[in-house]
Amino acid sequence: MRMTHLRLLVDEFDACFRWYRDVLGLRPFWGEEGSGYADFKAGEGSSDLALFSRSAQVEVSGSLGGGDRDRVALVFRVDDVDRTAQAMRAMGVAVIAGPKDQPGWGIRTLHLRDPDGNVVELNSPLPADRWSEDLRADAQRFEEQYAGRRESESSTS
């Protein structure tokens, strides 16, 4: 298991997007204003920071039980979500959502809560042929949109 990113669940997505991009200077590599989800890089070797509309997190994951109070989700990549879910249940961990395919995200997810009530997402990638058409289109668009920025950044470093 490895931590892939910290996901902030926000109510003011566009304002937060601009703040992390323009004030902190984080580099977006997925998403844009108005999209409701974005990934940022803080620097080489760092974990990603994601912004996600809080209401969309609850909508996609189902009721997480108290989702209106959630501010953050810790996100970890695992080899096999279903096997991990079995192991979590065997240890007495309450699974609050999943395992479930998220074709719009390109992953299979499992949502848990830690003992203090924080949301923990465990996921593994779905094969690209199981992604939604919208995700495939977004992947191509953001690759093209941000590829030029990466090339210019690397030539100036």
N, C-alpha and C. Protein backbone atom coordinates (compact mmCIF):
# COMPACT_ATOMS: atom_id res chain seq x y z
N MET A 1 0.86 -1.17 0.00
CA MET A 1 0.00 0.00 0.00
C MET A 1 0.90 1.23 0.00
N ARG A 2 0.47 2.25 -0.79
CA ARG A 2 1.21 3.51 -0.76
C ARG A 2 0.21 4.66 -0.81
N MET A 3 0.53 5.71 -0.08
CA MET A 3 -0.33 6.88 -0.10
C MET A 3 -0.12 7.59 -1.43
N THR A 4 -1.22 7.86 -2.13
CA THR A 4 -1.11 8.53 -3.42
C THR A 4 -1.36 10.03 -3.30
N HIS A 5 -2.30 10.41 -2.43
CA HIS A 5 -2.55 11.84 -2.25
C HIS A 5 -3.48 12.12 -1.08
N LEU A 6 -3.51 13.37 -0.73
CA LEU A 6 -4.43 13.88 0.26
C LEU A 6 -5.52 14.61 -0.52
N ARG A 7 -6.77 14.29 -0.25
CA ARG A 7 -7.89 14.90 -0.96
C ARG A 7 -8.63 15.84 -0.01
N LEU A 8 -8.61 17.12 -0.32
CA LEU A 8 -9.38 18.09 0.45
C LEU A 8 -10.78 18.14 -0.11
N LEU A 9 -11.77 18.01 0.76
CA LEU A 9 -13.17 18.07 0.36
C LEU A 9 -13.65 19.49 0.62
N VAL A 10 -13.98 20.19 -0.45
CA VAL A 10 -14.23 21.63 -0.35
C VAL A 10 -15.63 21.99 -0.84
N ASP A 11 -16.14 23.08 -0.29
CA ASP A 11 -17.42 23.62 -0.73
C ASP A 11 -17.23 24.68 -1.82
N GLU A 12 -16.13 25.41 -1.78
CA GLU A 12 -15.85 26.49 -2.74
C GLU A 12 -14.74 26.04 -3.68
N PHE A 13 -15.07 25.11 -4.59
CA PHE A 13 -14.06 24.49 -5.43
C PHE A 13 -13.26 25.50 -6.25
N ASP A 14 -13.93 26.38 -6.99
CA ASP A 14 -13.20 27.30 -7.88
C ASP A 14 -12.26 28.22 -7.10
N ALA A 15 -12.72 28.75 -5.99
CA ALA A 15 -11.87 29.62 -5.18
C ALA A 15 -10.67 28.85 -4.65
N CYS A 16 -10.89 27.62 -4.22
CA CYS A 16 -9.77 26.79 -3.72
C CYS A 16 -8.81 26.45 -4.86
N PHE A 17 -9.35 26.13 -6.04
CA PHE A 17 -8.49 25.83 -7.18
C PHE A 17 -7.55 27.00 -7.45
N ARG A 18 -8.11 28.20 -7.53
CA ARG A 18 -7.28 29.38 -7.80
C ARG A 18 -6.28 29.61 -6.68
N TRP A 19 -6.70 29.41 -5.43
CA TRP A 19 -5.81 29.67 -4.29
C TRP A 19 -4.60 28.73 -4.32
N TYR A 20 -4.83 27.44 -4.49
CA TYR A 20 -3.70 26.49 -4.50
C TYR A 20 -2.82 26.69 -5.73
N ARG A 21 -3.41 27.07 -6.85
CA ARG A 21 -2.63 27.32 -8.07
C ARG A 21 -1.90 28.66 -8.00
N ASP A 22 -2.62 29.74 -7.68
CA ASP A 22 -2.07 31.09 -7.80
C ASP A 22 -1.35 31.58 -6.56
N VAL A 23 -1.85 31.22 -5.39
CA VAL A 23 -1.24 31.70 -4.15
C VAL A 23 -0.10 30.78 -3.72
N LEU A 24 -0.37 29.48 -3.64
CA LEU A 24 0.69 28.55 -3.24
C LEU A 24 1.59 28.14 -4.39
N GLY A 25 1.13 28.34 -5.62
CA GLY A 25 1.96 28.02 -6.78
C GLY A 25 2.04 26.54 -7.11
N LEU A 26 1.04 25.76 -6.66
CA LEU A 26 1.03 24.34 -7.00
C LEU A 26 0.65 24.17 -8.47
N ARG A 27 1.22 23.16 -9.11
CA ARG A 27 1.00 22.93 -10.54
C ARG A 27 -0.13 21.94 -10.74
N PRO A 28 -1.27 22.40 -11.35
CA PRO A 28 -2.34 21.44 -11.64
C PRO A 28 -1.90 20.52 -12.77
N PHE A 29 -2.28 19.25 -12.67
CA PHE A 29 -2.04 18.34 -13.79
C PHE A 29 -3.31 17.58 -14.18
N TRP A 30 -4.38 17.83 -13.46
CA TRP A 30 -5.69 17.26 -13.82
C TRP A 30 -6.74 18.22 -13.29
N GLY A 31 -7.71 18.54 -14.09
CA GLY A 31 -8.81 19.39 -13.66
C GLY A 31 -8.57 20.85 -13.97
N GLU A 32 -9.62 21.62 -13.73
CA GLU A 32 -9.60 23.06 -13.99
C GLU A 32 -10.74 23.68 -13.22
N GLU A 33 -10.78 25.01 -13.20
CA GLU A 33 -11.89 25.68 -12.55
C GLU A 33 -13.20 25.15 -13.13
N GLY A 34 -14.18 24.94 -12.28
CA GLY A 34 -15.48 24.48 -12.72
C GLY A 34 -15.60 22.97 -12.85
N SER A 35 -14.49 22.24 -12.74
CA SER A 35 -14.55 20.79 -12.97
C SER A 35 -14.96 20.01 -11.72
N GLY A 36 -14.81 20.58 -10.55
CA GLY A 36 -15.19 19.89 -9.31
C GLY A 36 -14.14 18.94 -8.77
N TYR A 37 -13.09 18.66 -9.56
CA TYR A 37 -11.99 17.80 -9.11
C TYR A 37 -10.71 18.27 -9.78
N ALA A 38 -9.63 18.30 -9.01
CA ALA A 38 -8.33 18.67 -9.58
C ALA A 38 -7.21 18.03 -8.77
N ASP A 39 -6.12 17.68 -9.46
CA ASP A 39 -4.90 17.18 -8.83
C ASP A 39 -3.80 18.20 -9.04
N PHE A 40 -2.98 18.40 -8.01
CA PHE A 40 -1.86 19.32 -8.05
C PHE A 40 -0.58 18.60 -7.63
N LYS A 41 0.53 19.03 -8.17
CA LYS A 41 1.85 18.58 -7.73
C LYS A 41 2.50 19.71 -6.96
N ALA A 42 3.05 19.40 -5.80
CA ALA A 42 3.76 20.41 -5.02
C ALA A 42 5.23 20.45 -5.41
N GLY A 43 5.73 19.40 -5.99
CA GLY A 43 7.14 19.33 -6.40
C GLY A 43 7.51 17.88 -6.63
N GLU A 44 8.64 17.68 -7.27
CA GLU A 44 9.08 16.32 -7.57
C GLU A 44 9.22 15.51 -6.28
N GLY A 45 8.72 14.29 -6.32
CA GLY A 45 8.83 13.39 -5.18
C GLY A 45 7.76 13.60 -4.12
N SER A 46 6.94 14.64 -4.26
CA SER A 46 5.91 14.87 -3.25
C SER A 46 4.64 14.12 -3.62
N SER A 47 3.81 13.89 -2.62
CA SER A 47 2.50 13.32 -2.88
C SER A 47 1.63 14.38 -3.52
N ASP A 48 0.58 13.95 -4.17
CA ASP A 48 -0.33 14.89 -4.81
C ASP A 48 -1.30 15.47 -3.80
N LEU A 49 -1.79 16.64 -4.11
CA LEU A 49 -2.89 17.25 -3.38
C LEU A 49 -4.07 17.27 -4.34
N ALA A 50 -5.20 16.78 -3.91
CA ALA A 50 -6.41 16.81 -4.74
C ALA A 50 -7.45 17.68 -4.06
N LEU A 51 -8.21 18.40 -4.88
CA LEU A 51 -9.38 19.13 -4.42
C LEU A 51 -10.59 18.43 -5.00
N PHE A 52 -11.61 18.26 -4.19
CA PHE A 52 -12.82 17.60 -4.67
C PHE A 52 -14.01 18.25 -3.99
N SER A 53 -15.03 18.50 -4.75
CA SER A 53 -16.27 19.02 -4.19
C SER A 53 -16.80 18.05 -3.14
N ARG A 54 -17.04 18.55 -1.94
CA ARG A 54 -17.52 17.69 -0.85
C ARG A 54 -18.82 16.99 -1.23
N SER A 55 -19.74 17.71 -1.85
CA SER A 55 -21.01 17.10 -2.21
C SER A 55 -20.82 15.99 -3.25
N ALA A 56 -19.86 16.16 -4.15
CA ALA A 56 -19.60 15.13 -5.15
C ALA A 56 -18.99 13.89 -4.52
N GLN A 57 -18.12 14.06 -3.50
CA GLN A 57 -17.55 12.90 -2.80
C GLN A 57 -18.65 12.06 -2.19
N VAL A 58 -19.59 12.71 -1.53
CA VAL A 58 -20.70 11.99 -0.90
C VAL A 58 -21.58 11.36 -1.96
N GLU A 59 -21.82 12.07 -3.07
CA GLU A 59 -22.66 11.55 -4.14
C GLU A 59 -22.05 10.30 -4.77
N VAL A 60 -20.77 10.31 -5.06
CA VAL A 60 -20.11 9.19 -5.73
C VAL A 60 -19.93 8.01 -4.78
N SER A 61 -19.57 8.28 -3.55
CA SER A 61 -19.29 7.22 -2.60
C SER A 61 -20.52 6.74 -1.86
N GLY A 62 -21.63 7.37 -2.09
CA GLY A 62 -22.82 7.06 -1.31
C GLY A 62 -22.70 7.78 0.01
N SER A 63 -23.67 7.64 0.84
CA SER A 63 -23.60 8.30 2.14
C SER A 63 -22.45 7.71 2.93
N LEU A 64 -21.49 8.54 3.25
CA LEU A 64 -20.36 8.08 4.05
C LEU A 64 -20.66 8.21 5.53
N GLY A 65 -21.87 8.57 5.87
CA GLY A 65 -22.21 8.73 7.28
C GLY A 65 -21.50 9.94 7.84
N GLY A 66 -22.11 11.08 7.82
CA GLY A 66 -21.48 12.29 8.31
C GLY A 66 -20.67 13.00 7.25
N GLY A 67 -20.90 12.69 5.98
CA GLY A 67 -20.13 13.27 4.90
C GLY A 67 -20.16 14.79 4.86
N ASP A 68 -21.22 15.40 5.43
CA ASP A 68 -21.29 16.85 5.42
C ASP A 68 -20.26 17.47 6.33
N ARG A 69 -19.65 16.71 7.21
CA ARG A 69 -18.62 17.24 8.11
C ARG A 69 -17.21 16.91 7.64
N ASP A 70 -17.09 16.04 6.65
CA ASP A 70 -15.77 15.63 6.19
C ASP A 70 -15.04 16.77 5.52
N ARG A 71 -13.76 16.93 5.85
CA ARG A 71 -12.93 17.97 5.25
C ARG A 71 -11.79 17.36 4.43
N VAL A 72 -11.47 16.09 4.69
CA VAL A 72 -10.30 15.49 4.05
C VAL A 72 -10.53 13.99 3.88
N ALA A 73 -9.89 13.43 2.87
CA ALA A 73 -9.86 11.98 2.69
C ALA A 73 -8.42 11.59 2.41
N LEU A 74 -7.92 10.59 3.12
CA LEU A 74 -6.60 10.04 2.85
C LEU A 74 -6.76 8.96 1.81
N VAL A 75 -5.94 8.98 0.77
CA VAL A 75 -6.12 8.07 -0.36
C VAL A 75 -4.88 7.20 -0.52
N PHE A 76 -5.11 5.88 -0.53
CA PHE A 76 -4.03 4.91 -0.64
C PHE A 76 -4.30 3.97 -1.81
N ARG A 77 -3.26 3.61 -2.52
CA ARG A 77 -3.35 2.63 -3.62
C ARG A 77 -3.05 1.27 -3.02
N VAL A 78 -3.87 0.27 -3.34
CA VAL A 78 -3.64 -1.11 -2.92
C VAL A 78 -3.65 -2.00 -4.17
N ASP A 79 -3.08 -3.18 -4.05
CA ASP A 79 -3.03 -4.09 -5.19
C ASP A 79 -4.40 -4.64 -5.56
N ASP A 80 -5.22 -4.95 -4.56
CA ASP A 80 -6.50 -5.61 -4.81
C ASP A 80 -7.53 -5.10 -3.80
N VAL A 81 -8.45 -4.27 -4.25
CA VAL A 81 -9.45 -3.68 -3.35
C VAL A 81 -10.33 -4.74 -2.70
N ASP A 82 -10.74 -5.74 -3.46
CA ASP A 82 -11.64 -6.75 -2.90
C ASP A 82 -10.96 -7.58 -1.81
N ARG A 83 -9.74 -7.98 -2.06
CA ARG A 83 -8.99 -8.74 -1.06
C ARG A 83 -8.73 -7.87 0.18
N THR A 84 -8.44 -6.60 -0.05
CA THR A 84 -8.22 -5.68 1.08
C THR A 84 -9.50 -5.50 1.88
N ALA A 85 -10.64 -5.41 1.20
CA ALA A 85 -11.92 -5.27 1.90
C ALA A 85 -12.18 -6.48 2.79
N GLN A 86 -11.90 -7.68 2.28
CA GLN A 86 -12.06 -8.89 3.10
C GLN A 86 -11.17 -8.84 4.33
N ALA A 87 -9.93 -8.43 4.14
CA ALA A 87 -8.99 -8.34 5.26
C ALA A 87 -9.45 -7.31 6.29
N MET A 88 -9.95 -6.17 5.81
CA MET A 88 -10.43 -5.11 6.72
C MET A 88 -11.62 -5.62 7.53
N ARG A 89 -12.55 -6.28 6.86
CA ARG A 89 -13.73 -6.81 7.58
C ARG A 89 -13.31 -7.87 8.59
N ALA A 90 -12.34 -8.71 8.24
CA ALA A 90 -11.85 -9.74 9.17
C ALA A 90 -11.23 -9.11 10.41
N MET A 91 -10.69 -7.91 10.28
CA MET A 91 -10.11 -7.20 11.43
C MET A 91 -11.15 -6.37 12.17
N GLY A 92 -12.41 -6.43 11.71
CA GLY A 92 -13.48 -5.70 12.40
C GLY A 92 -13.62 -4.25 11.96
N VAL A 93 -12.97 -3.87 10.87
CA VAL A 93 -13.08 -2.50 10.37
C VAL A 93 -14.41 -2.35 9.64
N ALA A 94 -15.12 -1.29 9.96
CA ALA A 94 -16.40 -1.03 9.30
C ALA A 94 -16.15 -0.43 7.92
N VAL A 95 -16.63 -1.12 6.91
CA VAL A 95 -16.55 -0.61 5.54
C VAL A 95 -17.78 0.25 5.31
N ILE A 96 -17.58 1.51 4.93
CA ILE A 96 -18.73 2.40 4.76
C ILE A 96 -19.20 2.51 3.31
N ALA A 97 -18.34 2.12 2.36
CA ALA A 97 -18.76 2.10 0.95
C ALA A 97 -17.79 1.24 0.15
N GLY A 98 -18.34 0.40 -0.69
CA GLY A 98 -17.51 -0.40 -1.59
C GLY A 98 -17.33 -1.81 -1.09
N PRO A 99 -16.52 -2.53 -1.82
CA PRO A 99 -15.80 -2.15 -3.03
C PRO A 99 -16.76 -1.82 -4.17
N LYS A 100 -16.34 -0.83 -4.95
CA LYS A 100 -17.20 -0.34 -6.03
C LYS A 100 -16.34 0.22 -7.16
N ASP A 101 -16.68 -0.17 -8.39
CA ASP A 101 -16.02 0.42 -9.55
C ASP A 101 -16.48 1.87 -9.69
N GLN A 102 -15.51 2.74 -9.98
CA GLN A 102 -15.79 4.16 -10.25
C GLN A 102 -15.27 4.45 -11.66
N PRO A 103 -16.01 4.07 -12.71
CA PRO A 103 -15.53 4.27 -14.08
C PRO A 103 -15.21 5.72 -14.41
N GLY A 104 -15.89 6.65 -13.76
CA GLY A 104 -15.62 8.07 -13.97
C GLY A 104 -14.32 8.53 -13.34
N TRP A 105 -13.76 7.72 -12.46
CA TRP A 105 -12.49 8.03 -11.82
C TRP A 105 -11.38 7.11 -12.32
N GLY A 106 -11.75 6.00 -12.95
CA GLY A 106 -10.75 5.04 -13.43
C GLY A 106 -10.18 4.15 -12.34
N ILE A 107 -10.94 4.00 -11.25
CA ILE A 107 -10.46 3.20 -10.12
C ILE A 107 -11.61 2.39 -9.51
N ARG A 108 -11.24 1.37 -8.73
CA ARG A 108 -12.17 0.61 -7.89
C ARG A 108 -11.89 1.07 -6.46
N THR A 109 -12.91 1.44 -5.71
CA THR A 109 -12.70 2.06 -4.40
C THR A 109 -13.31 1.26 -3.25
N LEU A 110 -12.76 1.54 -2.09
CA LEU A 110 -13.26 1.05 -0.81
C LEU A 110 -13.12 2.22 0.15
N HIS A 111 -14.20 2.57 0.86
CA HIS A 111 -14.13 3.68 1.81
C HIS A 111 -14.33 3.17 3.23
N LEU A 112 -13.47 3.64 4.10
CA LEU A 112 -13.46 3.27 5.52
C LEU A 112 -13.42 4.54 6.35
N ARG A 113 -13.56 4.40 7.64
CA ARG A 113 -13.29 5.49 8.58
C ARG A 113 -12.27 4.99 9.59
N ASP A 114 -11.32 5.87 9.92
CA ASP A 114 -10.36 5.51 10.96
C ASP A 114 -11.03 5.69 12.33
N PRO A 115 -10.36 5.33 13.42
CA PRO A 115 -11.01 5.42 14.74
C PRO A 115 -11.46 6.83 15.12
N ASP A 116 -10.87 7.87 14.50
CA ASP A 116 -11.28 9.24 14.81
C ASP A 116 -12.33 9.75 13.83
N GLY A 117 -12.78 8.90 12.89
CA GLY A 117 -13.83 9.27 11.97
C GLY A 117 -13.38 9.84 10.64
N ASN A 118 -12.07 9.88 10.37
CA ASN A 118 -11.58 10.39 9.09
C ASN A 118 -11.84 9.39 7.97
N VAL A 119 -12.16 9.92 6.78
CA VAL A 119 -12.40 9.08 5.61
C VAL A 119 -11.07 8.57 5.06
N VAL A 120 -11.00 7.27 4.81
CA VAL A 120 -9.84 6.65 4.19
C VAL A 120 -10.35 5.93 2.95
N GLU A 121 -9.75 6.27 1.80
CA GLU A 121 -10.09 5.58 0.56
C GLU A 121 -8.95 4.67 0.17
N LEU A 122 -9.26 3.43 -0.12
CA LEU A 122 -8.30 2.47 -0.67
C LEU A 122 -8.77 2.22 -2.10
N ASN A 123 -7.84 2.26 -3.05
CA ASN A 123 -8.26 2.06 -4.44
C ASN A 123 -7.21 1.33 -5.24
N SER A 124 -7.65 0.82 -6.37
CA SER A 124 -6.75 0.24 -7.36
C SER A 124 -7.27 0.64 -8.73
N PRO A 125 -6.37 0.75 -9.71
CA PRO A 125 -6.78 1.23 -11.02
C PRO A 125 -7.68 0.24 -11.76
N LEU A 126 -8.60 0.79 -12.50
CA LEU A 126 -9.40 -0.01 -13.43
C LEU A 126 -8.67 0.00 -14.78
N PRO A 127 -8.77 -1.08 -15.53
CA PRO A 127 -8.22 -1.05 -16.89
C PRO A 127 -8.89 0.08 -17.69
N ALA A 128 -8.15 0.73 -18.56
CA ALA A 128 -8.66 1.88 -19.32
C ALA A 128 -9.93 1.55 -20.11
N ASP A 129 -10.09 0.29 -20.51
CA ASP A 129 -11.31 -0.06 -21.26
C ASP A 129 -12.56 -0.07 -20.37
N ARG A 130 -12.39 0.07 -19.05
CA ARG A 130 -13.53 0.14 -18.13
C ARG A 130 -13.76 1.57 -17.63
N TRP A 131 -12.98 2.53 -18.15
CA TRP A 131 -13.19 3.93 -17.81
C TRP A 131 -14.43 4.45 -18.53
N SER A 132 -15.05 5.48 -17.98
CA SER A 132 -16.16 6.13 -18.67
C SER A 132 -15.62 6.89 -19.88
N GLU A 133 -16.48 7.11 -20.84
CA GLU A 133 -16.10 7.90 -22.02
C GLU A 133 -15.66 9.30 -21.60
N ASP A 134 -16.36 9.89 -20.63
CA ASP A 134 -15.99 11.23 -20.15
C ASP A 134 -14.58 11.23 -19.57
N LEU A 135 -14.22 10.21 -18.80
CA LEU A 135 -12.88 10.14 -18.22
C LEU A 135 -11.82 10.03 -19.31
N ARG A 136 -12.08 9.20 -20.30
CA ARG A 136 -11.12 9.07 -21.41
C ARG A 136 -10.92 10.41 -22.12
N ALA A 137 -12.02 11.12 -22.36
CA ALA A 137 -11.92 12.43 -23.02
C ALA A 137 -11.17 13.42 -22.14
N ASP A 138 -11.48 13.43 -20.83
CA ASP A 138 -10.77 14.32 -19.91
C ASP A 138 -9.29 13.99 -19.84
N ALA A 139 -8.96 12.70 -19.80
CA ALA A 139 -7.55 12.30 -19.73
C ALA A 139 -6.78 12.84 -20.94
N GLN A 140 -7.37 12.74 -22.10
CA GLN A 140 -6.70 13.24 -23.30
C GLN A 140 -6.60 14.77 -23.26
N ARG A 141 -7.69 15.42 -22.87
CA ARG A 141 -7.71 16.89 -22.84
C ARG A 141 -6.70 17.44 -21.83
N PHE A 142 -6.66 16.88 -20.62
CA PHE A 142 -5.73 17.39 -19.61
C PHE A 142 -4.29 17.05 -19.95
N GLU A 143 -4.07 15.92 -20.58
CA GLU A 143 -2.71 15.58 -21.02
C GLU A 143 -2.23 16.63 -22.01
N GLU A 144 -3.07 16.98 -22.97
CA GLU A 144 -2.70 18.00 -23.96
C GLU A 144 -2.57 19.38 -23.31
N GLN A 145 -3.50 19.71 -22.42
CA GLN A 145 -3.53 21.02 -21.77
C GLN A 145 -2.30 21.24 -20.91
N TYR A 146 -1.89 20.24 -20.15
CA TYR A 146 -0.79 20.42 -19.22
C TYR A 146 0.55 19.94 -19.76
N ALA A 147 0.58 19.24 -20.89
CA ALA A 147 1.85 18.75 -21.45
C ALA A 147 2.75 19.92 -21.82
N GLY A 148 2.22 20.93 -22.45
CA GLY A 148 3.03 22.08 -22.84
C GLY A 148 3.62 22.78 -21.64
N ARG A 149 2.88 22.86 -20.56
CA ARG A 149 3.36 23.52 -19.34
C ARG A 149 4.52 22.72 -18.74
N ARG A 150 4.41 21.38 -18.74
CA ARG A 150 5.49 20.54 -18.19
C ARG A 150 6.76 20.70 -19.01
N GLU A 151 6.60 20.75 -20.35
CA GLU A 151 7.76 20.88 -21.23
C GLU A 151 8.46 22.21 -21.01
N SER A 152 7.70 23.31 -20.86
CA SER A 152 8.32 24.62 -20.67
C SER A 152 8.97 24.70 -19.29
N GLU A 153 8.37 24.06 -18.28
CA GLU A 153 8.96 24.07 -16.93
C GLU A 153 10.29 23.31 -16.92
N SER A 154 10.34 22.18 -17.62
CA SER A 154 11.57 21.39 -17.61
C SER A 154 12.68 22.07 -18.42
N SER A 155 12.32 22.84 -19.42
CA SER A 155 13.36 23.51 -20.21
C SER A 155 13.93 24.73 -19.48
N THR A 156 13.19 25.27 -18.50
CA THR A 156 13.68 26.42 -17.74
C THR A 156 14.39 26.00 -16.46
N SER A 157 14.36 24.70 -16.11
CA SER A 157 15.01 24.29 -14.87
C SER A 157 16.46 23.91 -15.09
